[in-house]
C-alpha atoms as a PDB file:
ATOM      1  CA  MET A   1     -93.637  -4.944 -18.156  1.00  0.00           C
ATOM      2  CA  LYS A   2     -91.973  -1.785 -19.475  1.00  0.00           C
ATOM      3  CA  LYS A   3     -91.808  -1.482 -23.258  1.00  0.00           C
ATOM      4  CA  TYR A   4     -89.120   0.459 -25.114  1.00  0.00           C
ATOM      5  CA  LEU A   5     -88.320   1.364 -28.692  1.00  0.00           C
ATOM      6  CA  ILE A   6     -84.763   2.262 -29.688  1.00  0.00           C
ATOM      7  CA  SER A   7     -85.025   4.583 -32.677  1.00  0.00           C
ATOM      8  CA  ILE A   8     -83.821   7.969 -33.886  1.00  0.00           C
ATOM      9  CA  GLU A   9     -86.781   8.216 -36.270  1.00  0.00           C
ATOM     10  CA  SER A  10     -89.532  10.820 -35.949  1.00  0.00           C
ATOM     11  CA  GLU A  11     -93.095   9.714 -35.299  1.00  0.00           C
ATOM     12  CA  ASP A  12     -94.212  10.422 -38.868  1.00  0.00           C
ATOM     13  CA  SER A  13     -91.308   8.575 -40.506  1.00  0.00           C
ATOM     14  CA  LYS A  14     -91.993   5.648 -42.816  1.00  0.00           C
ATOM     15  CA  ARG A  15     -89.779   3.409 -40.689  1.00  0.00           C
ATOM     16  CA  LEU A  16     -91.690   4.076 -37.473  1.00  0.00           C
ATOM     17  CA  GLN A  17     -95.027   3.805 -39.232  1.00  0.00           C
ATOM     18  CA  GLY A  18     -93.911   0.385 -40.452  1.00  0.00           C
ATOM     19  CA  PHE A  19     -92.951  -0.636 -36.926  1.00  0.00           C
ATOM     20  CA  TYR A  20     -96.337   0.280 -35.482  1.00  0.00           C
ATOM     21  CA  ALA A  21     -98.210  -1.189 -38.449  1.00  0.00           C
ATOM     22  CA  GLN A  22     -97.296  -4.620 -37.075  1.00  0.00           C
ATOM     23  CA  LYS A  23    -100.122  -6.003 -34.939  1.00  0.00           C
ATOM     24  CA  THR A  24     -98.009  -6.770 -31.868  1.00  0.00           C
ATOM     25  CA  PHE A  25     -96.700  -3.233 -31.648  1.00  0.00           C
ATOM     26  CA  TYR A  26     -99.829  -1.430 -32.849  1.00  0.00           C
ATOM     27  CA  LYS A  27    -101.954  -2.504 -29.908  1.00  0.00           C
ATOM     28  CA  TYR A  28     -99.248  -1.403 -27.451  1.00  0.00           C
ATOM     29  CA  LYS A  29     -98.311   1.830 -29.227  1.00  0.00           C
ATOM     30  CA  ASP A  30     -99.269   4.041 -26.294  1.00  0.00           C
ATOM     31  CA  ASP A  31     -97.191   1.914 -23.908  1.00  0.00           C
ATOM     32  CA  PHE A  32     -93.891   2.249 -25.772  1.00  0.00           C
ATOM     33  CA  LYS A  33     -91.317   4.804 -24.680  1.00  0.00           C
ATOM     34  CA  GLN A  34     -88.797   5.779 -27.345  1.00  0.00           C
ATOM     35  CA  PHE A  35     -85.104   6.503 -26.865  1.00  0.00           C
ATOM     36  CA  GLY A  36     -82.867   7.547 -29.725  1.00  0.00           C
ATOM     37  CA  ILE A  37     -79.519   9.278 -29.289  1.00  0.00           C
ATOM     38  CA  ILE A  38     -77.851  10.397 -32.520  1.00  0.00           C
ATOM     39  CA  GLY A  39     -74.146   9.764 -32.073  1.00  0.00           C
ATOM     40  CA  LYS A  40     -73.006  12.330 -34.609  1.00  0.00           C
ATOM     41  CA  ASN A  41     -74.870  15.026 -32.660  1.00  0.00           C
ATOM     42  CA  LEU A  42     -72.711  14.501 -29.575  1.00  0.00           C
ATOM     43  CA  THR A  43     -70.065  17.125 -28.887  1.00  0.00           C
ATOM     44  CA  VAL A  44     -66.463  16.276 -29.732  1.00  0.00           C
ATOM     45  CA  SER A  45     -65.600  15.998 -26.045  1.00  0.00           C
ATOM     46  CA  GLU A  46     -68.620  13.760 -25.326  1.00  0.00           C
ATOM     47  CA  TYR A  47     -67.723  11.460 -28.208  1.00  0.00           C
ATOM     48  CA  PHE A  48     -64.039  11.296 -27.239  1.00  0.00           C
ATOM     49  CA  GLU A  49     -64.676  10.666 -23.539  1.00  0.00           C
ATOM     50  CA  GLN A  50     -67.296   7.972 -24.094  1.00  0.00           C
ATOM     51  CA  GLY A  51     -66.389   6.411 -27.425  1.00  0.00           C
ATOM     52  CA  VAL A  52     -62.628   6.773 -27.840  1.00  0.00           C
ATOM     53  CA  ALA A  53     -60.695   7.303 -24.603  1.00  0.00           C
ATOM     54  CA  GLY A  54     -59.175   4.115 -23.201  1.00  0.00           C
ATOM     55  CA  LYS A  55     -60.459   1.902 -26.006  1.00  0.00           C
ATOM     56  CA  GLU A  56     -58.306  -0.334 -28.189  1.00  0.00           C
ATOM     57  CA  LYS A  57     -60.700   0.362 -31.055  1.00  0.00           C
ATOM     58  CA  PRO A  58     -62.801   3.559 -31.049  1.00  0.00           C
ATOM     59  CA  MET A  59     -66.562   3.221 -31.305  1.00  0.00           C
ATOM     60  CA  THR A  60     -68.198   4.867 -34.279  1.00  0.00           C
ATOM     61  CA  PRO A  61     -70.694   7.654 -33.499  1.00  0.00           C
ATOM     62  CA  GLY A  62     -73.461   5.272 -34.581  1.00  0.00           C
ATOM     63  CA  GLU A  63     -72.303   2.532 -32.214  1.00  0.00           C
ATOM     64  CA  LEU A  64     -72.026   4.999 -29.344  1.00  0.00           C
ATOM     65  CA  GLY A  65     -75.461   6.470 -30.000  1.00  0.00           C
ATOM     66  CA  CYS A  66     -76.973   2.987 -30.139  1.00  0.00           C
ATOM     67  CA  THR A  67     -75.420   1.961 -26.829  1.00  0.00           C
ATOM     68  CA  LEU A  68     -76.412   5.198 -25.092  1.00  0.00           C
ATOM     69  CA  SER A  69     -79.999   4.736 -26.293  1.00  0.00           C
ATOM     70  CA  HIS A  70     -80.214   1.226 -24.845  1.00  0.00           C
ATOM     71  CA  LEU A  71     -78.680   2.415 -21.569  1.00  0.00           C
ATOM     72  CA  ALA A  72     -81.211   5.246 -21.326  1.00  0.00           C
ATOM     73  CA  ALA A  73     -84.003   2.676 -21.626  1.00  0.00           C
ATOM     74  CA  LEU A  74     -82.452   0.515 -18.902  1.00  0.00           C
ATOM     75  CA  LYS A  75     -82.139   3.484 -16.548  1.00  0.00           C
ATOM     76  CA  ASP A  76     -85.767   4.397 -17.144  1.00  0.00           C
ATOM     77  CA  PHE A  77     -86.780   0.796 -16.465  1.00  0.00           C
ATOM     78  CA  LEU A  78     -85.002   0.783 -13.097  1.00  0.00           C
ATOM     79  CA  SER A  79     -86.820   3.970 -12.111  1.00  0.00           C
ATOM     80  CA  SER A  80     -90.096   2.034 -12.409  1.00  0.00           C
ATOM     81  CA  GLU A  81     -91.587  -0.729 -10.269  1.00  0.00           C
ATOM     82  CA  GLU A  82     -91.855  -3.252 -13.120  1.00  0.00           C
ATOM     83  CA  ALA A  83     -90.091  -6.620 -12.927  1.00  0.00           C
ATOM     84  CA  TYR A  84     -89.239  -6.854 -16.643  1.00  0.00           C
ATOM     85  CA  ALA A  85     -88.492  -4.632 -19.607  1.00  0.00           C
ATOM     86  CA  VAL A  86     -88.756  -5.569 -23.282  1.00  0.00           C
ATOM     87  CA  ILE A  87     -86.651  -3.555 -25.721  1.00  0.00           C
ATOM     88  CA  PHE A  88     -86.874  -3.381 -29.525  1.00  0.00           C
ATOM     89  CA  GLU A  89     -84.980  -1.637 -32.288  1.00  0.00           C
ATOM     90  CA  ASP A  90     -87.123  -0.189 -35.072  1.00  0.00           C
ATOM     91  CA  ASP A  91     -86.119  -2.716 -37.747  1.00  0.00           C
ATOM     92  CA  VAL A  92     -87.584  -5.668 -35.845  1.00  0.00           C
ATOM     93  CA  ILE A  93     -90.006  -7.868 -37.783  1.00  0.00           C
ATOM     94  CA  GLU A  94     -93.032  -9.530 -36.208  1.00  0.00           C
ATOM     95  CA  ARG A  95     -93.148 -13.271 -37.005  1.00  0.00           C
ATOM     96  CA  PHE A  96     -96.565 -13.699 -35.431  1.00  0.00           C
ATOM     97  CA  GLU A  97     -98.734 -11.609 -33.153  1.00  0.00           C
ATOM     98  CA  ILE A  98     -97.992 -11.896 -29.451  1.00  0.00           C
ATOM     99  CA  ASP A  99     -99.412 -10.410 -26.280  1.00  0.00           C
ATOM    100  CA  PHE A 100     -96.791  -8.964 -23.930  1.00  0.00           C
ATOM    101  CA  ASP A 101     -98.889  -9.798 -20.877  1.00  0.00           C
ATOM    102  CA  VAL A 102     -98.859 -13.427 -21.987  1.00  0.00           C
ATOM    103  CA  LEU A 103     -95.099 -13.224 -22.614  1.00  0.00           C
ATOM    104  CA  GLU A 104     -94.529 -12.008 -19.059  1.00  0.00           C
ATOM    105  CA  GLU A 105     -96.703 -14.767 -17.639  1.00  0.00           C
ATOM    106  CA  GLN A 106     -94.911 -17.438 -19.679  1.00  0.00           C
ATOM    107  CA  ILE A 107     -91.538 -16.184 -18.454  1.00  0.00           C
ATOM    108  CA  ARG A 108     -92.698 -16.363 -14.851  1.00  0.00           C
ATOM    109  CA  VAL A 109     -94.008 -19.903 -15.364  1.00  0.00           C
ATOM    110  CA  THR A 110     -90.825 -21.152 -17.054  1.00  0.00           C
ATOM    111  CA  GLU A 111     -88.764 -19.828 -14.121  1.00  0.00           C
ATOM    112  CA  LEU A 112     -85.774 -18.755 -16.182  1.00  0.00           C
ATOM    113  CA  ASP A 113     -82.721 -18.037 -14.048  1.00  0.00           C
ATOM    114  CA  SER A 114     -82.062 -14.496 -12.839  1.00  0.00           C
ATOM    115  CA  PRO A 115     -80.276 -12.186 -13.605  1.00  0.00           C
ATOM    116  CA  LEU A 116     -82.022 -12.752 -16.924  1.00  0.00           C
ATOM    117  CA  PHE A 117     -81.213 -11.667 -20.463  1.00  0.00           C
ATOM    118  CA  LEU A 118     -83.635 -13.213 -22.949  1.00  0.00           C
ATOM    119  CA  SER A 119     -82.893 -12.603 -26.621  1.00  0.00           C
ATOM    120  CA  LEU A 120     -86.149 -12.695 -28.581  1.00  0.00           C
ATOM    121  CA  GLY A 121     -84.433 -12.831 -31.972  1.00  0.00           C
ATOM    122  CA  GLY A 122     -81.046 -13.015 -33.641  1.00  0.00           C
ATOM    123  CA  ILE A 123     -80.227 -16.673 -33.054  1.00  0.00           C
ATOM    124  CA  GLN A 124     -81.578 -17.410 -36.557  1.00  0.00           C
ATOM    125  CA  MET A 125     -78.958 -15.143 -38.169  1.00  0.00           C
ATOM    126  CA  LYS A 126     -76.007 -16.801 -39.870  1.00  0.00           C
ATOM    127  CA  ILE A 127     -73.328 -15.478 -37.535  1.00  0.00           C
ATOM    128  CA  CYS A 128     -75.188 -16.796 -34.475  1.00  0.00           C
ATOM    129  CA  ARG A 129     -75.698 -20.351 -35.681  1.00  0.00           C
ATOM    130  CA  LYS A 130     -72.571 -21.563 -33.850  1.00  0.00           C
ATOM    131  CA  VAL A 131     -74.091 -20.603 -30.507  1.00  0.00           C
ATOM    132  CA  LYS A 132     -74.522 -23.636 -28.259  1.00  0.00           C
ATOM    133  CA  GLY A 133     -76.128 -24.292 -24.922  1.00  0.00           C
ATOM    134  CA  LYS A 134     -78.773 -26.392 -23.207  1.00  0.00           C
ATOM    135  CA  GLN A 135     -82.191 -26.794 -24.763  1.00  0.00           C
ATOM    136  CA  GLN A 136     -84.910 -25.972 -22.227  1.00  0.00           C
ATOM    137  CA  SER A 137     -87.928 -28.193 -21.714  1.00  0.00           C
ATOM    138  CA  SER A 138     -90.280 -25.212 -21.802  1.00  0.00           C
ATOM    139  CA  GLN A 139     -91.116 -23.052 -24.832  1.00  0.00           C
ATOM    140  CA  LEU A 140     -92.277 -19.481 -25.465  1.00  0.00           C
ATOM    141  CA  PHE A 141     -95.174 -19.154 -27.909  1.00  0.00           C
ATOM    142  CA  GLY A 142     -94.273 -22.580 -29.292  1.00  0.00           C
ATOM    143  CA  GLN A 143     -90.660 -21.555 -29.922  1.00  0.00           C
ATOM    144  CA  SER A 144     -87.648 -23.349 -28.483  1.00  0.00           C
ATOM    145  CA  VAL A 145     -85.611 -21.742 -25.707  1.00  0.00           C
ATOM    146  CA  LEU A 146     -81.861 -22.318 -25.403  1.00  0.00           C
ATOM    147  CA  LYS A 147     -79.774 -21.394 -22.370  1.00  0.00           C
ATOM    148  CA  VAL A 148     -76.490 -20.247 -23.886  1.00  0.00           C
ATOM    149  CA  ASP A 149     -73.296 -21.715 -22.469  1.00  0.00           C
ATOM    150  CA  PRO A 150     -70.916 -18.925 -21.375  1.00  0.00           C
ATOM    151  CA  LEU A 151     -68.141 -20.289 -23.605  1.00  0.00           C
ATOM    152  CA  PHE A 152     -70.367 -19.463 -26.579  1.00  0.00           C
ATOM    153  CA  TYR A 153     -71.298 -15.900 -25.631  1.00  0.00           C
ATOM    154  CA  GLU A 154     -68.653 -14.736 -28.088  1.00  0.00           C
ATOM    155  CA  ASN A 155     -70.701 -16.258 -30.932  1.00  0.00           C
ATOM    156  CA  LEU A 156     -73.828 -14.340 -29.967  1.00  0.00           C
ATOM    157  CA  ALA A 157     -74.738 -10.985 -31.524  1.00  0.00           C
ATOM    158  CA  TYR A 158     -77.704  -8.648 -32.030  1.00  0.00           C
ATOM    159  CA  ALA A 159     -79.861  -6.749 -29.556  1.00  0.00           C
ATOM    160  CA  TYR A 160     -82.846  -5.793 -31.713  1.00  0.00           C
ATOM    161  CA  ALA A 161     -85.373  -7.628 -29.511  1.00  0.00           C
ATOM    162  CA  TYR A 162     -84.752  -8.715 -25.937  1.00  0.00           C
ATOM    163  CA  LEU A 163     -86.083  -8.841 -22.409  1.00  0.00           C
ATOM    164  CA  VAL A 164     -84.263  -8.183 -19.139  1.00  0.00           C
ATOM    165  CA  ASP A 165     -85.138  -8.324 -15.479  1.00  0.00           C
ATOM    166  CA  ARG A 166     -84.045  -5.689 -12.972  1.00  0.00           C
ATOM    167  CA  GLU A 167     -80.846  -7.423 -11.881  1.00  0.00           C
ATOM    168  CA  MET A 168     -79.698  -7.852 -15.473  1.00  0.00           C
ATOM    169  CA  ALA A 169     -80.380  -4.188 -16.208  1.00  0.00           C
ATOM    170  CA  LYS A 170     -78.088  -3.240 -13.319  1.00  0.00           C
ATOM    171  CA  ILE A 171     -75.349  -5.550 -14.618  1.00  0.00           C
ATOM    172  CA  LEU A 172     -75.549  -4.023 -18.102  1.00  0.00           C
ATOM    173  CA  LEU A 173     -75.412  -0.473 -16.767  1.00  0.00           C
ATOM    174  CA  ASP A 174     -72.341  -1.303 -14.667  1.00  0.00           C
ATOM    175  CA  PHE A 175     -70.699  -3.013 -17.645  1.00  0.00           C
ATOM    176  CA  HIS A 176     -71.124   0.058 -19.832  1.00  0.00           C
ATOM    177  CA  LYS A 177     -69.076   2.382 -17.611  1.00  0.00           C
ATOM    178  CA  PRO A 178     -67.683   3.632 -19.951  1.00  0.00           C
ATOM    179  CA  PRO A 179     -69.936   2.659 -22.909  1.00  0.00           C
ATOM    180  CA  ARG A 180     -68.962  -0.258 -25.156  1.00  0.00           C
ATOM    181  CA  VAL A 181     -70.436  -1.784 -28.311  1.00  0.00           C
ATOM    182  CA  TYR A 182     -73.742  -2.955 -26.880  1.00  0.00           C
ATOM    183  CA  ASP A 183     -73.901  -6.612 -27.929  1.00  0.00           C
ATOM    184  CA  GLN A 184     -70.398  -7.732 -26.917  1.00  0.00           C
ATOM    185  CA  TRP A 185     -71.595 -10.484 -24.603  1.00  0.00           C
ATOM    186  CA  ALA A 186     -68.231 -12.267 -24.330  1.00  0.00           C
ATOM    187  CA  ASP A 187     -66.701  -9.152 -22.757  1.00  0.00           C
ATOM    188  CA  LEU A 188     -69.633  -8.896 -20.363  1.00  0.00           C
ATOM    189  CA  ILE A 189     -68.935 -12.243 -18.727  1.00  0.00           C
ATOM    190  CA  MET A 190     -65.254 -11.331 -18.350  1.00  0.00           C
ATOM    191  CA  VAL A 191     -66.047  -8.072 -16.560  1.00  0.00           C
ATOM    192  CA  SER A 192     -69.205  -8.784 -14.554  1.00  0.00           C
ATOM    193  CA  LYS A 193     -68.648  -9.708 -10.922  1.00  0.00           C
ATOM    194  CA  GLN A 194     -72.109 -11.245 -10.773  1.00  0.00           C
ATOM    195  CA  PRO A 195     -73.186 -14.391 -12.656  1.00  0.00           C
ATOM    196  CA  PHE A 196     -76.068 -14.034 -15.105  1.00  0.00           C
ATOM    197  CA  SER A 197     -77.944 -16.131 -17.646  1.00  0.00           C
ATOM    198  CA  ILE A 198     -78.513 -15.578 -21.352  1.00  0.00           C
ATOM    199  CA  TYR A 199     -81.379 -17.377 -23.071  1.00  0.00           C
ATOM    200  CA  VAL A 200     -82.288 -17.180 -26.752  1.00  0.00           C
ATOM    201  CA  SER A 201     -85.515 -17.761 -28.648  1.00  0.00           C
ATOM    202  CA  TYR A 202     -86.747 -16.924 -32.147  1.00  0.00           C
ATOM    203  CA  ILE A 203     -89.905 -14.881 -31.696  1.00  0.00           C
ATOM    204  CA  PHE A 204     -89.000 -11.768 -33.702  1.00  0.00           C
ATOM    205  CA  ASP A 205     -87.116 -11.570 -36.999  1.00  0.00           C
ATOM    206  CA  HIS A 206     -84.675  -9.086 -38.513  1.00  0.00           C
ATOM    207  CA  PRO A 207     -84.179  -7.942 -42.119  1.00  0.00           C
ATOM    208  CA  GLN A 208     -81.677  -9.894 -44.166  1.00  0.00           C
ATOM    209  CA  ILE A 209     -79.055  -7.764 -45.886  1.00  0.00           C
ATOM    210  CA  GLU A 210     -79.194  -8.602 -49.592  1.00  0.00           C
ATOM    211  CA  ASN A 211     -76.585  -6.206 -50.996  1.00  0.00           C
ATOM    212  CA  GLU A 212     -73.143  -5.259 -49.679  1.00  0.00           C
ATOM    213  CA  LYS A 213     -73.853  -1.594 -50.387  1.00  0.00           C
ATOM    214  CA  ASP A 214     -76.888  -1.733 -48.102  1.00  0.00           C
ATOM    215  CA  LYS A 215     -74.915  -2.899 -45.094  1.00  0.00           C
ATOM    216  CA  SER A 216     -74.469  -0.545 -42.189  1.00  0.00           C
ATOM    217  CA  TYR A 217     -71.202  -0.178 -40.321  1.00  0.00           C
ATOM    218  CA  LEU A 218     -72.575  -2.439 -37.612  1.00  0.00           C
ATOM    219  CA  GLU A 219     -73.512  -5.149 -40.113  1.00  0.00           C
ATOM    220  CA  ASN A 220     -70.031  -5.067 -41.636  1.00  0.00           C
ATOM    221  CA  GLU A 221     -68.517  -5.305 -38.172  1.00  0.00           C
ATOM    222  CA  ARG A 222     -70.601  -8.402 -37.484  1.00  0.00           C
ATOM    223  CA  ASP A 223     -69.550  -9.955 -40.781  1.00  0.00           C
ATOM    224  CA  MET A 224     -65.930  -9.414 -39.781  1.00  0.00           C
ATOM    225  CA  MET A 225     -66.643 -11.275 -36.559  1.00  0.00           C
ATOM    226  CA  SER A 226     -67.688 -14.323 -38.567  1.00  0.00           C
ATOM    227  CA  ILE A 227     -64.546 -14.422 -40.741  1.00  0.00           C
ATOM    228  CA  PRO A 228     -62.049 -17.068 -39.570  1.00  0.00           C
ATOM    229  CA  LYS A 229     -59.200 -15.376 -37.756  1.00  0.00           C
ATOM    230  CA  LYS A 230     -56.538 -16.047 -35.216  1.00  0.00           C
ATOM    231  CA  LYS A 231     -58.093 -16.977 -31.896  1.00  0.00           C
ATOM    232  CA  SER A 232     -57.675 -14.413 -29.138  1.00  0.00           C
ATOM    233  CA  TYR A 233     -57.822 -17.094 -26.460  1.00  0.00           C
ATOM    234  CA  SER A 234     -55.300 -19.810 -25.581  1.00  0.00           C
ATOM    235  CA  ASN A 235     -55.110 -23.191 -27.291  1.00  0.00           C
ATOM    236  CA  PHE A 236     -56.199 -24.759 -24.017  1.00  0.00           C
ATOM    237  CA  SER A 237     -59.373 -22.626 -23.877  1.00  0.00           C
ATOM    238  CA  TYR A 238     -60.085 -23.435 -27.518  1.00  0.00           C
ATOM    239  CA  ILE A 239     -59.808 -27.171 -26.841  1.00  0.00           C
ATOM    240  CA  ILE A 240     -62.053 -26.887 -23.779  1.00  0.00           C
ATOM    241  CA  LYS A 241     -64.682 -25.082 -25.849  1.00  0.00           C
ATOM    242  CA  LYS A 242     -64.533 -27.699 -28.618  1.00  0.00           C
ATOM    243  CA  ILE A 243     -64.906 -30.556 -26.142  1.00  0.00           C
ATOM    244  CA  ARG A 244     -67.725 -28.845 -24.271  1.00  0.00           C
ATOM    245  CA  GLY A 245     -69.498 -28.183 -27.550  1.00  0.00           C
ATOM    246  CA  PHE A 246     -69.927 -31.928 -28.120  1.00  0.00           C
ATOM    247  CA  PHE A 247     -72.240 -32.079 -25.094  1.00  0.00           C
ATOM    248  CA  LEU A 248     -74.305 -29.007 -25.971  1.00  0.00           C
ATOM    249  CA  GLN A 249     -76.971 -28.219 -28.559  1.00  0.00           C
ATOM    250  CA  THR A 250     -77.526 -25.545 -31.167  1.00  0.00           C
ATOM    251  CA  TYR A 251     -80.848 -23.716 -31.286  1.00  0.00           C
ATOM    252  CA  LYS A 252     -83.724 -25.623 -32.903  1.00  0.00           C
ATOM    253  CA  LEU A 253     -85.363 -23.268 -35.358  1.00  0.00           C
ATOM    254  CA  SER A 254     -89.133 -23.508 -35.765  1.00  0.00           C
ATOM    255  CA  ILE A 255     -89.964 -21.898 -39.105  1.00  0.00           C
END
């Protein structure tokens, strides 16, 4: 399994030291490959071509840099012979120590559908609590696994901890031509010509934002997503989603 860290921090930074101080990441420190593209360091033409041209809403330099960093990791993964890649952002929080070799074995045993995107954290966040799908009989490290229904991809956010197989990596790279905000899963299903599966589990945590002034642009964007607003889809689609939701489950958190 390939292991990646998405971060623009230097090796001696307090943030990166905190990441590797966590037991799960410390023992695999030499296995992690870091990608971090600083959006504001792109040339004007690079930013315009990739983050502005043809878009209804321009990406911020930070959003573009984040997406490009994730894509660089996916490209590196596909250049290897590994079956899976696990990708983390540097603000991820370890809930309990895990072994990545055991994680890979558990995924193989559970036989999750491919192309596979497995979110390892984010479903516990407030804006994701409306996500619904089918609860799986198997667990990962004692944590529930939910297969997200495609109608609820629009309620899913965050990409600070996840696993993909090779086919899913190819789908994501095709989707981001040109780059988009990375965790817009509802758009992915509209564009992808190939079916895929998204599963969620709560194995890694993420910092809670306590103060408005501490929120990043991305956090504010996600808050805006959770504010009630006029639906972009038809009344018929809305009704279908509501009806389907009655037969689906939300994620069962194990605290």
